[in-house]
Amino acid sequence: MSPHFIVCCIAARCRMGIPGRSGSNSLPGNNETSDEIAGSYGEILTDGLKDSYRNDFVGGVTSVTVNDLNKSAGTLLHPDALTWVVVGELSKIEAKVLALTFGEVMVPDTDGKSVTP
C-alpha cells in the first residue's frame, strides 16, 4: 500500500465515522446528485483509476491496519522538519506556546517580518 493511499484512508475514516457505528461503512453525500456522479466519473477518467475504484474504496479504507499507518507515518512525517503555525491573540497564547519548547518561535508582523518575542 502506498503511503499516499494511507493518508487518503485516514481522511476517509474520519468522514465515515467510528467503525461499527451504524452507517459508518460508506462515504455519505458523495454521489447524491447527477453533478456529483459526473464529477466522480470524471475523477476516475482523469486520474486513470480502475472502473471499480468507488466500489473498492471503502473496503480498502477499512482494511488499513495500525501497522500500515505507522509504516506510512514513518515515510511521510518528519518531526524534525515540521513547522507549526499557531494563530491567535498573542497576549493570550504567547506564554503557552513558548512553554511547549518546540523550538524557535517567530512572531511576524503584518508584512511577514519577524518581531520575535
PDB file of N, CA and C in Angstrom:
ATOM      1  N   MET A   1       0.832  -1.177   0.000  1.00  0.00           N
ATOM      2  CA  MET A   1       0.000   0.000   0.000  1.00  0.00           C
ATOM      3  C   MET A   1       0.878   1.242   0.000  1.00  0.00           C
ATOM      4  N   SER A   2       0.552   2.221  -0.835  1.00  0.00           N
ATOM      5  CA  SER A   2       1.376   3.420  -0.887  1.00  0.00           C
ATOM      6  C   SER A   2       1.071   4.319   0.309  1.00  0.00           C
ATOM      7  N   PRO A   3       2.073   5.082   0.777  1.00  0.00           N
ATOM      8  CA  PRO A   3       1.836   5.994   1.894  1.00  0.00           C
ATOM      9  C   PRO A   3       0.736   7.010   1.594  1.00  0.00           C
ATOM     10  N   HIS A   4       0.649   7.453   0.335  1.00  0.00           N
ATOM     11  CA  HIS A   4      -0.367   8.439  -0.004  1.00  0.00           C
ATOM     12  C   HIS A   4      -1.771   7.837   0.060  1.00  0.00           C
ATOM     13  N   PHE A   5      -1.915   6.564  -0.284  1.00  0.00           N
ATOM     14  CA  PHE A   5      -3.209   5.901  -0.129  1.00  0.00           C
ATOM     15  C   PHE A   5      -3.591   5.843   1.341  1.00  0.00           C
ATOM     16  N   ILE A   6      -2.601   5.584   2.192  1.00  0.00           N
ATOM     17  CA  ILE A   6      -2.859   5.508   3.626  1.00  0.00           C
ATOM     18  C   ILE A   6      -3.381   6.854   4.134  1.00  0.00           C
ATOM     19  N   VAL A   7      -2.809   7.954   3.671  1.00  0.00           N
ATOM     20  CA  VAL A   7      -3.275   9.279   4.080  1.00  0.00           C
ATOM     21  C   VAL A   7      -4.722   9.472   3.644  1.00  0.00           C
ATOM     22  N   CYS A   8      -5.059   9.042   2.429  1.00  0.00           N
ATOM     23  CA  CYS A   8      -6.447   9.122   1.961  1.00  0.00           C
ATOM     24  C   CYS A   8      -7.357   8.293   2.848  1.00  0.00           C
ATOM     25  N   CYS A   9      -6.874   7.149   3.297  1.00  0.00           N
ATOM     26  CA  CYS A   9      -7.665   6.282   4.164  1.00  0.00           C
ATOM     27  C   CYS A   9      -7.942   6.949   5.497  1.00  0.00           C
ATOM     28  N   ILE A  10      -6.955   7.647   6.046  1.00  0.00           N
ATOM     29  CA  ILE A  10      -7.149   8.339   7.314  1.00  0.00           C
ATOM     30  C   ILE A  10      -8.249   9.380   7.156  1.00  0.00           C
ATOM     31  N   ALA A  11      -8.172  10.157   6.087  1.00  0.00           N
ATOM     32  CA  ALA A  11      -9.181  11.197   5.844  1.00  0.00           C
ATOM     33  C   ALA A  11     -10.561  10.573   5.648  1.00  0.00           C
ATOM     34  N   ALA A  12     -10.621   9.492   4.897  1.00  0.00           N
ATOM     35  CA  ALA A  12     -11.904   8.845   4.637  1.00  0.00           C
ATOM     36  C   ALA A  12     -12.486   8.251   5.911  1.00  0.00           C
ATOM     37  N   ARG A  13     -11.644   7.643   6.741  1.00  0.00           N
ATOM     38  CA  ARG A  13     -12.139   7.082   8.001  1.00  0.00           C
ATOM     39  C   ARG A  13     -12.735   8.172   8.875  1.00  0.00           C
ATOM     40  N   CYS A  14     -12.130   9.344   8.868  1.00  0.00           N
ATOM     41  CA  CYS A  14     -12.682  10.459   9.643  1.00  0.00           C
ATOM     42  C   CYS A  14     -14.051  10.836   9.120  1.00  0.00           C
ATOM     43  N   ARG A  15     -14.232  10.811   7.807  1.00  0.00           N
ATOM     44  CA  ARG A  15     -15.518  11.148   7.216  1.00  0.00           C
ATOM     45  C   ARG A  15     -16.551  10.068   7.460  1.00  0.00           C
ATOM     46  N   MET A  16     -16.108   8.819   7.524  1.00  0.00           N
ATOM     47  CA  MET A  16     -17.043   7.704   7.674  1.00  0.00           C
ATOM     48  C   MET A  16     -17.495   7.529   9.110  1.00  0.00           C
ATOM     49  N   GLY A  17     -16.779   8.083  10.048  1.00  0.00           N
ATOM     50  CA  GLY A  17     -17.180   7.958  11.452  1.00  0.00           C
ATOM     51  C   GLY A  17     -16.482   6.810  12.141  1.00  0.00           C
ATOM     52  N   ILE A  18     -16.996   6.455  13.266  1.00  0.00           N
ATOM     53  CA  ILE A  18     -16.400   5.419  14.101  1.00  0.00           C
ATOM     54  C   ILE A  18     -16.764   4.041  13.562  1.00  0.00           C
ATOM     55  N   PRO A  19     -15.754   3.163  13.348  1.00  0.00           N
ATOM     56  CA  PRO A  19     -16.054   1.817  12.860  1.00  0.00           C
ATOM     57  C   PRO A  19     -17.065   1.114  13.750  1.00  0.00           C
ATOM     58  N   GLY A  20     -18.011   0.407  13.120  1.00  0.00           N
ATOM     59  CA  GLY A  20     -19.017  -0.327  13.861  1.00  0.00           C
ATOM     60  C   GLY A  20     -20.271   0.479  14.124  1.00  0.00           C
ATOM     61  N   ARG A  21     -20.177   1.783  13.999  1.00  0.00           N
ATOM     62  CA  ARG A  21     -21.360   2.626  14.204  1.00  0.00           C
ATOM     63  C   ARG A  21     -22.237   2.527  12.959  1.00  0.00           C
ATOM     64  N   SER A  22     -23.520   2.575  13.132  1.00  0.00           N
ATOM     65  CA  SER A  22     -24.455   2.462  12.013  1.00  0.00           C
ATOM     66  C   SER A  22     -24.153   3.491  10.939  1.00  0.00           C
ATOM     67  N   GLY A  23     -24.059   3.038   9.696  1.00  0.00           N
ATOM     68  CA  GLY A  23     -23.824   3.945   8.571  1.00  0.00           C
ATOM     69  C   GLY A  23     -22.387   4.352   8.399  1.00  0.00           C
ATOM     70  N   SER A  24     -21.466   3.729   9.128  1.00  0.00           N
ATOM     71  CA  SER A  24     -20.076   4.157   9.055  1.00  0.00           C
ATOM     72  C   SER A  24     -19.295   3.497   7.930  1.00  0.00           C
ATOM     73  N   ASN A  25     -19.898   2.571   7.214  1.00  0.00           N
ATOM     74  CA  ASN A  25     -19.164   1.879   6.163  1.00  0.00           C
ATOM     75  C   ASN A  25     -19.484   2.398   4.769  1.00  0.00           C
ATOM     76  N   SER A  26     -19.729   3.685   4.680  1.00  0.00           N
ATOM     77  CA  SER A  26     -19.956   4.303   3.380  1.00  0.00           C
ATOM     78  C   SER A  26     -19.486   5.744   3.445  1.00  0.00           C
ATOM     79  N   LEU A  27     -19.357   6.353   2.297  1.00  0.00           N
ATOM     80  CA  LEU A  27     -18.973   7.751   2.233  1.00  0.00           C
ATOM     81  C   LEU A  27     -20.220   8.562   1.928  1.00  0.00           C
ATOM     82  N   PRO A  28     -20.772   9.219   2.913  1.00  0.00           N
ATOM     83  CA  PRO A  28     -22.046   9.914   2.741  1.00  0.00           C
ATOM     84  C   PRO A  28     -21.941  11.121   1.827  1.00  0.00           C
ATOM     85  N   GLY A  29     -22.979  11.304   1.026  1.00  0.00           N
ATOM     86  CA  GLY A  29     -23.107  12.520   0.246  1.00  0.00           C
ATOM     87  C   GLY A  29     -22.196  12.678  -0.941  1.00  0.00           C
ATOM     88  N   ASN A  30     -21.458  11.664  -1.316  1.00  0.00           N
ATOM     89  CA  ASN A  30     -20.523  11.811  -2.434  1.00  0.00           C
ATOM     90  C   ASN A  30     -21.188  11.741  -3.796  1.00  0.00           C
ATOM     91  N   ASN A  31     -22.277  11.024  -3.926  1.00  0.00           N
ATOM     92  CA  ASN A  31     -22.896  10.811  -5.228  1.00  0.00           C
ATOM     93  C   ASN A  31     -24.414  10.912  -5.140  1.00  0.00           C
ATOM     94  N   GLU A  32     -24.885  12.017  -4.592  1.00  0.00           N
ATOM     95  CA  GLU A  32     -26.325  12.176  -4.424  1.00  0.00           C
ATOM     96  C   GLU A  32     -26.990  12.887  -5.594  1.00  0.00           C
ATOM     97  N   THR A  33     -26.240  13.704  -6.316  1.00  0.00           N
ATOM     98  CA  THR A  33     -26.821  14.439  -7.448  1.00  0.00           C
ATOM     99  C   THR A  33     -26.143  14.003  -8.738  1.00  0.00           C
ATOM    100  N   SER A  34     -26.757  14.334  -9.857  1.00  0.00           N
ATOM    101  CA  SER A  34     -26.152  13.970 -11.148  1.00  0.00           C
ATOM    102  C   SER A  34     -24.809  14.673 -11.334  1.00  0.00           C
ATOM    103  N   ASP A  35     -24.671  15.905 -10.824  1.00  0.00           N
ATOM    104  CA  ASP A  35     -23.385  16.600 -10.917  1.00  0.00           C
ATOM    105  C   ASP A  35     -22.296  15.883 -10.130  1.00  0.00           C
ATOM    106  N   GLU A  36     -22.642  15.382  -8.937  1.00  0.00           N
ATOM    107  CA  GLU A  36     -21.671  14.656  -8.128  1.00  0.00           C
ATOM    108  C   GLU A  36     -21.274  13.339  -8.786  1.00  0.00           C
ATOM    109  N   ILE A  37     -22.230  12.661  -9.380  1.00  0.00           N
ATOM    110  CA  ILE A  37     -21.934  11.403 -10.081  1.00  0.00           C
ATOM    111  C   ILE A  37     -21.018  11.687 -11.271  1.00  0.00           C
ATOM    112  N   ALA A  38     -21.331  12.744 -12.019  1.00  0.00           N
ATOM    113  CA  ALA A  38     -20.489  13.110 -13.160  1.00  0.00           C
ATOM    114  C   ALA A  38     -19.083  13.475 -12.694  1.00  0.00           C
ATOM    115  N   GLY A  39     -18.996  14.190 -11.569  1.00  0.00           N
ATOM    116  CA  GLY A  39     -17.691  14.554 -11.023  1.00  0.00           C
ATOM    117  C   GLY A  39     -16.880  13.338 -10.614  1.00  0.00           C
ATOM    118  N   SER A  40     -17.547  12.369 -10.002  1.00  0.00           N
ATOM    119  CA  SER A  40     -16.868  11.132  -9.607  1.00  0.00           C
ATOM    120  C   SER A  40     -16.374  10.365 -10.825  1.00  0.00           C
ATOM    121  N   TYR A  41     -17.201  10.293 -11.849  1.00  0.00           N
ATOM    122  CA  TYR A  41     -16.812   9.598 -13.075  1.00  0.00           C
ATOM    123  C   TYR A  41     -15.656  10.332 -13.742  1.00  0.00           C
ATOM    124  N   GLY A  42     -15.730  11.664 -13.745  1.00  0.00           N
ATOM    125  CA  GLY A  42     -14.644  12.468 -14.306  1.00  0.00           C
ATOM    126  C   GLY A  42     -13.335  12.241 -13.573  1.00  0.00           C
ATOM    127  N   GLU A  43     -13.401  12.106 -12.255  1.00  0.00           N
ATOM    128  CA  GLU A  43     -12.208  11.836 -11.449  1.00  0.00           C
ATOM    129  C   GLU A  43     -11.601  10.487 -11.839  1.00  0.00           C
ATOM    130  N   ILE A  44     -12.444   9.491 -12.035  1.00  0.00           N
ATOM    131  CA  ILE A  44     -11.963   8.164 -12.433  1.00  0.00           C
ATOM    132  C   ILE A  44     -11.252   8.248 -13.778  1.00  0.00           C
ATOM    133  N   LEU A  45     -11.842   8.967 -14.724  1.00  0.00           N
ATOM    134  CA  LEU A  45     -11.234   9.095 -16.053  1.00  0.00           C
ATOM    135  C   LEU A  45      -9.959   9.930 -16.008  1.00  0.00           C
ATOM    136  N   THR A  46     -10.016  11.065 -15.346  1.00  0.00           N
ATOM    137  CA  THR A  46      -8.870  11.982 -15.300  1.00  0.00           C
ATOM    138  C   THR A  46      -7.682  11.377 -14.578  1.00  0.00           C
ATOM    139  N   ASP A  47      -7.938  10.698 -13.466  1.00  0.00           N
ATOM    140  CA  ASP A  47      -6.856  10.153 -12.650  1.00  0.00           C
ATOM    141  C   ASP A  47      -6.446   8.744 -13.056  1.00  0.00           C
ATOM    142  N   GLY A  48      -7.099   8.194 -14.082  1.00  0.00           N
ATOM    143  CA  GLY A  48      -6.729   6.861 -14.556  1.00  0.00           C
ATOM    144  C   GLY A  48      -7.011   5.763 -13.549  1.00  0.00           C
ATOM    145  N   LEU A  49      -8.085   5.909 -12.785  1.00  0.00           N
ATOM    146  CA  LEU A  49      -8.430   4.918 -11.773  1.00  0.00           C
ATOM    147  C   LEU A  49      -9.205   3.759 -12.391  1.00  0.00           C
ATOM    148  N   LYS A  50      -9.204   2.625 -11.681  1.00  0.00           N
ATOM    149  CA  LYS A  50      -9.991   1.478 -12.140  1.00  0.00           C
ATOM    150  C   LYS A  50     -11.469   1.834 -12.111  1.00  0.00           C
ATOM    151  N   ASP A  51     -12.243   1.223 -13.000  1.00  0.00           N
ATOM    152  CA  ASP A  51     -13.688   1.462 -13.017  1.00  0.00           C
ATOM    153  C   ASP A  51     -14.339   1.141 -11.675  1.00  0.00           C
ATOM    154  N   SER A  52     -13.757   0.207 -10.950  1.00  0.00           N
ATOM    155  CA  SER A  52     -14.335  -0.220  -9.671  1.00  0.00           C
ATOM    156  C   SER A  52     -13.826   0.611  -8.487  1.00  0.00           C
ATOM    157  N   TYR A  53     -13.101   1.696  -8.756  1.00  0.00           N
ATOM    158  CA  TYR A  53     -12.477   2.487  -7.690  1.00  0.00           C
ATOM    159  C   TYR A  53     -13.463   2.858  -6.586  1.00  0.00           C
ATOM    160  N   ARG A  54     -14.590   3.424  -6.951  1.00  0.00           N
ATOM    161  CA  ARG A  54     -15.571   3.863  -5.941  1.00  0.00           C
ATOM    162  C   ARG A  54     -16.126   2.674  -5.154  1.00  0.00           C
ATOM    163  N   ASN A  55     -16.343   1.560  -5.818  1.00  0.00           N
ATOM    164  CA  ASN A  55     -16.865   0.379  -5.126  1.00  0.00           C
ATOM    165  C   ASN A  55     -15.826  -0.234  -4.194  1.00  0.00           C
ATOM    166  N   ASP A  56     -14.561  -0.135  -4.573  1.00  0.00           N
ATOM    167  CA  ASP A  56     -13.480  -0.750  -3.803  1.00  0.00           C
ATOM    168  C   ASP A  56     -12.959   0.136  -2.679  1.00  0.00           C
ATOM    169  N   PHE A  57     -13.223   1.436  -2.747  1.00  0.00           N
ATOM    170  CA  PHE A  57     -12.573   2.393  -1.853  1.00  0.00           C
ATOM    171  C   PHE A  57     -12.850   2.126  -0.371  1.00  0.00           C
ATOM    172  N   VAL A  58     -14.109   1.952  -0.001  1.00  0.00           N
ATOM    173  CA  VAL A  58     -14.445   1.754   1.413  1.00  0.00           C
ATOM    174  C   VAL A  58     -13.778   0.497   1.948  1.00  0.00           C
ATOM    175  N   GLY A  59     -13.789  -0.586   1.168  1.00  0.00           N
ATOM    176  CA  GLY A  59     -13.108  -1.808   1.600  1.00  0.00           C
ATOM    177  C   GLY A  59     -11.622  -1.595   1.804  1.00  0.00           C
ATOM    178  N   GLY A  60     -11.022  -0.818   0.894  1.00  0.00           N
ATOM    179  CA  GLY A  60      -9.603  -0.504   1.035  1.00  0.00           C
ATOM    180  C   GLY A  60      -9.328   0.312   2.281  1.00  0.00           C
ATOM    181  N   VAL A  61     -10.196   1.268   2.548  1.00  0.00           N
ATOM    182  CA  VAL A  61     -10.038   2.121   3.724  1.00  0.00           C
ATOM    183  C   VAL A  61     -10.156   1.306   5.003  1.00  0.00           C
ATOM    184  N   THR A  62     -11.162   0.473   5.077  1.00  0.00           N
ATOM    185  CA  THR A  62     -11.395  -0.275   6.313  1.00  0.00           C
ATOM    186  C   THR A  62     -10.376  -1.399   6.521  1.00  0.00           C
ATOM    187  N   SER A  63      -9.625  -1.743   5.475  1.00  0.00           N
ATOM    188  CA  SER A  63      -8.623  -2.796   5.635  1.00  0.00           C
ATOM    189  C   SER A  63      -7.273  -2.269   6.125  1.00  0.00           C
ATOM    190  N   VAL A  64      -7.122  -0.955   6.218  1.00  0.00           N
ATOM    191  CA  VAL A  64      -5.856  -0.373   6.677  1.00  0.00           C
ATOM    192  C   VAL A  64      -5.664  -0.694   8.158  1.00  0.00           C
ATOM    193  N   THR A  65      -4.470  -1.164   8.486  1.00  0.00           N
ATOM    194  CA  THR A  65      -4.163  -1.547   9.866  1.00  0.00           C
ATOM    195  C   THR A  65      -3.327  -0.473  10.558  1.00  0.00           C
ATOM    196  N   VAL A  66      -3.205  -0.585  11.861  1.00  0.00           N
ATOM    197  CA  VAL A  66      -2.358   0.331  12.624  1.00  0.00           C
ATOM    198  C   VAL A  66      -0.922   0.225  12.131  1.00  0.00           C
ATOM    199  N   ASN A  67      -0.480  -0.983  11.797  1.00  0.00           N
ATOM    200  CA  ASN A  67       0.873  -1.182  11.273  1.00  0.00           C
ATOM    201  C   ASN A  67       1.051  -0.423   9.956  1.00  0.00           C
ATOM    202  N   ASP A  68       0.037  -0.471   9.075  1.00  0.00           N
ATOM    203  CA  ASP A  68       0.099   0.284   7.817  1.00  0.00           C
ATOM    204  C   ASP A  68       0.248   1.778   8.097  1.00  0.00           C
ATOM    205  N   LEU A  69      -0.533   2.278   9.056  1.00  0.00           N
ATOM    206  CA  LEU A  69      -0.477   3.704   9.404  1.00  0.00           C
ATOM    207  C   LEU A  69       0.888   4.086   9.954  1.00  0.00           C
ATOM    208  N   ASN A  70       1.416   3.268  10.848  1.00  0.00           N
ATOM    209  CA  ASN A  70       2.724   3.561  11.427  1.00  0.00           C
ATOM    210  C   ASN A  70       3.821   3.555  10.365  1.00  0.00           C
ATOM    211  N   LYS A  71       3.760   2.585   9.463  1.00  0.00           N
ATOM    212  CA  LYS A  71       4.761   2.499   8.401  1.00  0.00           C
ATOM    213  C   LYS A  71       4.690   3.738   7.502  1.00  0.00           C
ATOM    214  N   SER A  72       3.486   4.147   7.138  1.00  0.00           N
ATOM    215  CA  SER A  72       3.324   5.322   6.288  1.00  0.00           C
ATOM    216  C   SER A  72       3.725   6.600   7.005  1.00  0.00           C
ATOM    217  N   ALA A  73       3.394   6.682   8.282  1.00  0.00           N
ATOM    218  CA  ALA A  73       3.781   7.862   9.053  1.00  0.00           C
ATOM    219  C   ALA A  73       5.298   7.996   9.077  1.00  0.00           C
ATOM    220  N   GLY A  74       5.985   6.872   9.207  1.00  0.00           N
ATOM    221  CA  GLY A  74       7.452   6.895   9.201  1.00  0.00           C
ATOM    222  C   GLY A  74       8.022   7.343   7.869  1.00  0.00           C
ATOM    223  N   THR A  75       7.283   7.111   6.794  1.00  0.00           N
ATOM    224  CA  THR A  75       7.722   7.511   5.466  1.00  0.00           C
ATOM    225  C   THR A  75       7.381   8.968   5.176  1.00  0.00           C
ATOM    226  N   LEU A  76       6.197   9.401   5.599  1.00  0.00           N
ATOM    227  CA  LEU A  76       5.700  10.724   5.216  1.00  0.00           C
ATOM    228  C   LEU A  76       5.981  11.834   6.222  1.00  0.00           C
ATOM    229  N   LEU A  77       6.024  11.501   7.508  1.00  0.00           N
ATOM    230  CA  LEU A  77       6.170  12.525   8.538  1.00  0.00           C
ATOM    231  C   LEU A  77       7.605  12.596   9.028  1.00  0.00           C
ATOM    232  N   HIS A  78       8.124  13.799   9.088  1.00  0.00           N
ATOM    233  CA  HIS A  78       9.489  14.023   9.552  1.00  0.00           C
ATOM    234  C   HIS A  78       9.442  15.089  10.650  1.00  0.00           C
ATOM    235  N   PRO A  79       9.341  14.660  11.920  1.00  0.00           N
ATOM    236  CA  PRO A  79       9.161  15.604  13.023  1.00  0.00           C
ATOM    237  C   PRO A  79      10.203  16.714  13.075  1.00  0.00           C
ATOM    238  N   ASP A  80      11.429  16.413  12.648  1.00  0.00           N
ATOM    239  CA  ASP A  80      12.470  17.431  12.682  1.00  0.00           C
ATOM    240  C   ASP A  80      12.271  18.511  11.620  1.00  0.00           C
ATOM    241  N   ALA A  81      11.344  18.291  10.696  1.00  0.00           N
ATOM    242  CA  ALA A  81      11.115  19.253   9.618  1.00  0.00           C
ATOM    243  C   ALA A  81       9.723  19.880   9.667  1.00  0.00           C
ATOM    244  N   LEU A  82       9.011  19.705  10.784  1.00  0.00           N
ATOM    245  CA  LEU A  82       7.663  20.260  10.897  1.00  0.00           C
ATOM    246  C   LEU A  82       7.704  21.744  11.231  1.00  0.00           C
ATOM    247  N   THR A  83       6.749  22.469  10.689  1.00  0.00           N
ATOM    248  CA  THR A  83       6.557  23.869  11.035  1.00  0.00           C
ATOM    249  C   THR A  83       5.157  24.013  11.588  1.00  0.00           C
ATOM    250  N   TRP A  84       5.065  24.509  12.798  1.00  0.00           N
ATOM    251  CA  TRP A  84       3.767  24.730  13.429  1.00  0.00           C
ATOM    252  C   TRP A  84       3.360  26.171  13.162  1.00  0.00           C
ATOM    253  N   VAL A  85       2.130  26.360  12.760  1.00  0.00           N
ATOM    254  CA  VAL A  85       1.576  27.694  12.584  1.00  0.00           C
ATOM    255  C   VAL A  85       0.452  27.833  13.602  1.00  0.00           C
ATOM    256  N   VAL A  86       0.639  28.749  14.529  1.00  0.00           N
ATOM    257  CA  VAL A  86      -0.339  28.951  15.598  1.00  0.00           C
ATOM    258  C   VAL A  86      -0.941  30.342  15.411  1.00  0.00           C
ATOM    259  N   VAL A  87      -2.254  30.387  15.370  1.00  0.00           N
ATOM    260  CA  VAL A  87      -2.949  31.644  15.151  1.00  0.00           C
ATOM    261  C   VAL A  87      -3.770  31.975  16.379  1.00  0.00           C
ATOM    262  N   GLY A  88      -3.665  33.198  16.843  1.00  0.00           N
ATOM    263  CA  GLY A  88      -4.441  33.609  17.998  1.00  0.00           C
ATOM    264  C   GLY A  88      -3.989  34.959  18.503  1.00  0.00           C
ATOM    265  N   GLU A  89      -4.654  35.413  19.530  1.00  0.00           N
ATOM    266  CA  GLU A  89      -4.297  36.697  20.137  1.00  0.00           C
ATOM    267  C   GLU A  89      -3.017  36.494  20.947  1.00  0.00           C
ATOM    268  N   LEU A  90      -1.951  37.178  20.534  1.00  0.00           N
ATOM    269  CA  LEU A  90      -0.622  36.959  21.104  1.00  0.00           C
ATOM    270  C   LEU A  90      -0.612  37.058  22.628  1.00  0.00           C
ATOM    271  N   SER A  91      -1.287  38.025  23.176  1.00  0.00           N
ATOM    272  CA  SER A  91      -1.267  38.201  24.633  1.00  0.00           C
ATOM    273  C   SER A  91      -1.875  37.008  25.366  1.00  0.00           C
ATOM    274  N   LYS A  92      -2.750  36.267  24.699  1.00  0.00           N
ATOM    275  CA  LYS A  92      -3.412  35.129  25.338  1.00  0.00           C
ATOM    276  C   LYS A  92      -2.684  33.801  25.125  1.00  0.00           C
ATOM    277  N   ILE A  93      -1.910  33.693  24.029  1.00  0.00           N
ATOM    278  CA  ILE A  93      -1.307  32.393  23.712  1.00  0.00           C
ATOM    279  C   ILE A  93       0.209  32.348  23.800  1.00  0.00           C
ATOM    280  N   GLU A  94       0.862  33.496  23.852  1.00  0.00           N
ATOM    281  CA  GLU A  94       2.326  33.523  23.781  1.00  0.00           C
ATOM    282  C   GLU A  94       2.998  32.677  24.850  1.00  0.00           C
ATOM    283  N   ALA A  95       2.633  32.847  26.101  1.00  0.00           N
ATOM    284  CA  ALA A  95       3.276  32.111  27.195  1.00  0.00           C
ATOM    285  C   ALA A  95       3.073  30.602  27.037  1.00  0.00           C
ATOM    286  N   LYS A  96       1.867  30.198  26.635  1.00  0.00           N
ATOM    287  CA  LYS A  96       1.581  28.770  26.467  1.00  0.00           C
ATOM    288  C   LYS A  96       2.382  28.174  25.310  1.00  0.00           C
ATOM    289  N   VAL A  97       2.510  28.928  24.228  1.00  0.00           N
ATOM    290  CA  VAL A  97       3.272  28.443  23.069  1.00  0.00           C
ATOM    291  C   VAL A  97       4.747  28.336  23.429  1.00  0.00           C
ATOM    292  N   LEU A  98       5.296  29.341  24.087  1.00  0.00           N
ATOM    293  CA  LEU A  98       6.706  29.303  24.481  1.00  0.00           C
ATOM    294  C   LEU A  98       6.980  28.158  25.450  1.00  0.00           C
ATOM    295  N   ALA A  99       6.012  27.836  26.315  1.00  0.00           N
ATOM    296  CA  ALA A  99       6.177  26.756  27.295  1.00  0.00           C
ATOM    297  C   ALA A  99       6.278  25.378  26.625  1.00  0.00           C
ATOM    298  N   LEU A 100       5.805  25.259  25.411  1.00  0.00           N
ATOM    299  CA  LEU A 100       5.868  23.972  24.711  1.00  0.00           C
ATOM    300  C   LEU A 100       7.299  23.601  24.330  1.00  0.00           C
ATOM    301  N   THR A 101       8.153  24.563  24.229  1.00  0.00           N
ATOM    302  CA  THR A 101       9.567  24.381  23.853  1.00  0.00           C
ATOM    303  C   THR A 101       9.742  23.491  22.623  1.00  0.00           C
ATOM    304  N   PHE A 102       8.955  23.747  21.598  1.00  0.00           N
ATOM    305  CA  PHE A 102       9.082  23.007  20.346  1.00  0.00           C
ATOM    306  C   PHE A 102      10.247  23.514  19.498  1.00  0.00           C
ATOM    307  N   GLY A 103      10.777  24.646  19.860  1.00  0.00           N
ATOM    308  CA  GLY A 103      11.869  25.234  19.086  1.00  0.00           C
ATOM    309  C   GLY A 103      11.677  26.732  18.986  1.00  0.00           C
ATOM    310  N   GLU A 104      12.305  27.303  17.984  1.00  0.00           N
ATOM    311  CA  GLU A 104      12.247  28.755  17.791  1.00  0.00           C
ATOM    312  C   GLU A 104      10.812  29.220  17.546  1.00  0.00           C
ATOM    313  N   VAL A 105      10.447  30.322  18.168  1.00  0.00           N
ATOM    314  CA  VAL A 105       9.138  30.924  17.956  1.00  0.00           C
ATOM    315  C   VAL A 105       9.345  32.234  17.211  1.00  0.00           C
ATOM    316  N   MET A 106       8.649  32.386  16.104  1.00  0.00           N
ATOM    317  CA  MET A 106       8.743  33.606  15.322  1.00  0.00           C
ATOM    318  C   MET A 106       7.359  34.226  15.232  1.00  0.00           C
ATOM    319  N   VAL A 107       7.264  35.492  15.594  1.00  0.00           N
ATOM    320  CA  VAL A 107       6.004  36.217  15.508  1.00  0.00           C
ATOM    321  C   VAL A 107       6.151  37.227  14.376  1.00  0.00           C
ATOM    322  N   PRO A 108       5.375  37.063  13.297  1.00  0.00           N
ATOM    323  CA  PRO A 108       5.500  38.001  12.177  1.00  0.00           C
ATOM    324  C   PRO A 108       4.583  39.215  12.351  1.00  0.00           C
ATOM    325  N   ASP A 109       5.011  40.338  11.760  1.00  0.00           N
ATOM    326  CA  ASP A 109       4.111  41.488  11.715  1.00  0.00           C
ATOM    327  C   ASP A 109       3.225  41.341  10.482  1.00  0.00           C
ATOM    328  N   THR A 110       2.440  42.348  10.163  1.00  0.00           N
ATOM    329  CA  THR A 110       1.511  42.236   9.049  1.00  0.00           C
ATOM    330  C   THR A 110       2.186  42.126   7.693  1.00  0.00           C
ATOM    331  N   ASP A 111       3.482  42.444   7.630  1.00  0.00           N
ATOM    332  CA  ASP A 111       4.246  42.298   6.388  1.00  0.00           C
ATOM    333  C   ASP A 111       5.062  41.011   6.360  1.00  0.00           C
ATOM    334  N   GLY A 112       4.928  40.188   7.396  1.00  0.00           N
ATOM    335  CA  GLY A 112       5.649  38.923   7.460  1.00  0.00           C
ATOM    336  C   GLY A 112       7.043  39.047   8.037  1.00  0.00           C
ATOM    337  N   LYS A 113       7.423  40.245   8.481  1.00  0.00           N
ATOM    338  CA  LYS A 113       8.751  40.441   9.089  1.00  0.00           C
ATOM    339  C   LYS A 113       8.702  40.014  10.551  1.00  0.00           C
ATOM    340  N   SER A 114       9.790  39.425  11.001  1.00  0.00           N
ATOM    341  CA  SER A 114       9.834  38.868  12.351  1.00  0.00           C
ATOM    342  C   SER A 114       9.868  39.960  13.421  1.00  0.00           C
ATOM    343  N   VAL A 115       8.990  39.811  14.389  1.00  0.00           N
ATOM    344  CA  VAL A 115       9.004  40.614  15.603  1.00  0.00           C
ATOM    345  C   VAL A 115       9.059  39.633  16.770  1.00  0.00           C
ATOM    346  N   THR A 116       9.968  38.652  16.635  1.00  0.00           N
ATOM    347  CA  THR A 116      10.111  37.552  17.581  1.00  0.00           C
ATOM    348  C   THR A 116      10.176  38.062  19.013  1.00  0.00           C
ATOM    349  N   PRO A 117       9.416  37.411  19.906  1.00  0.00           N
ATOM    350  CA  PRO A 117       9.402  37.859  21.310  1.00  0.00           C
ATOM    351  C   PRO A 117      10.755  37.673  21.987  1.00  0.00           C
TER     352      PRO A 117
END
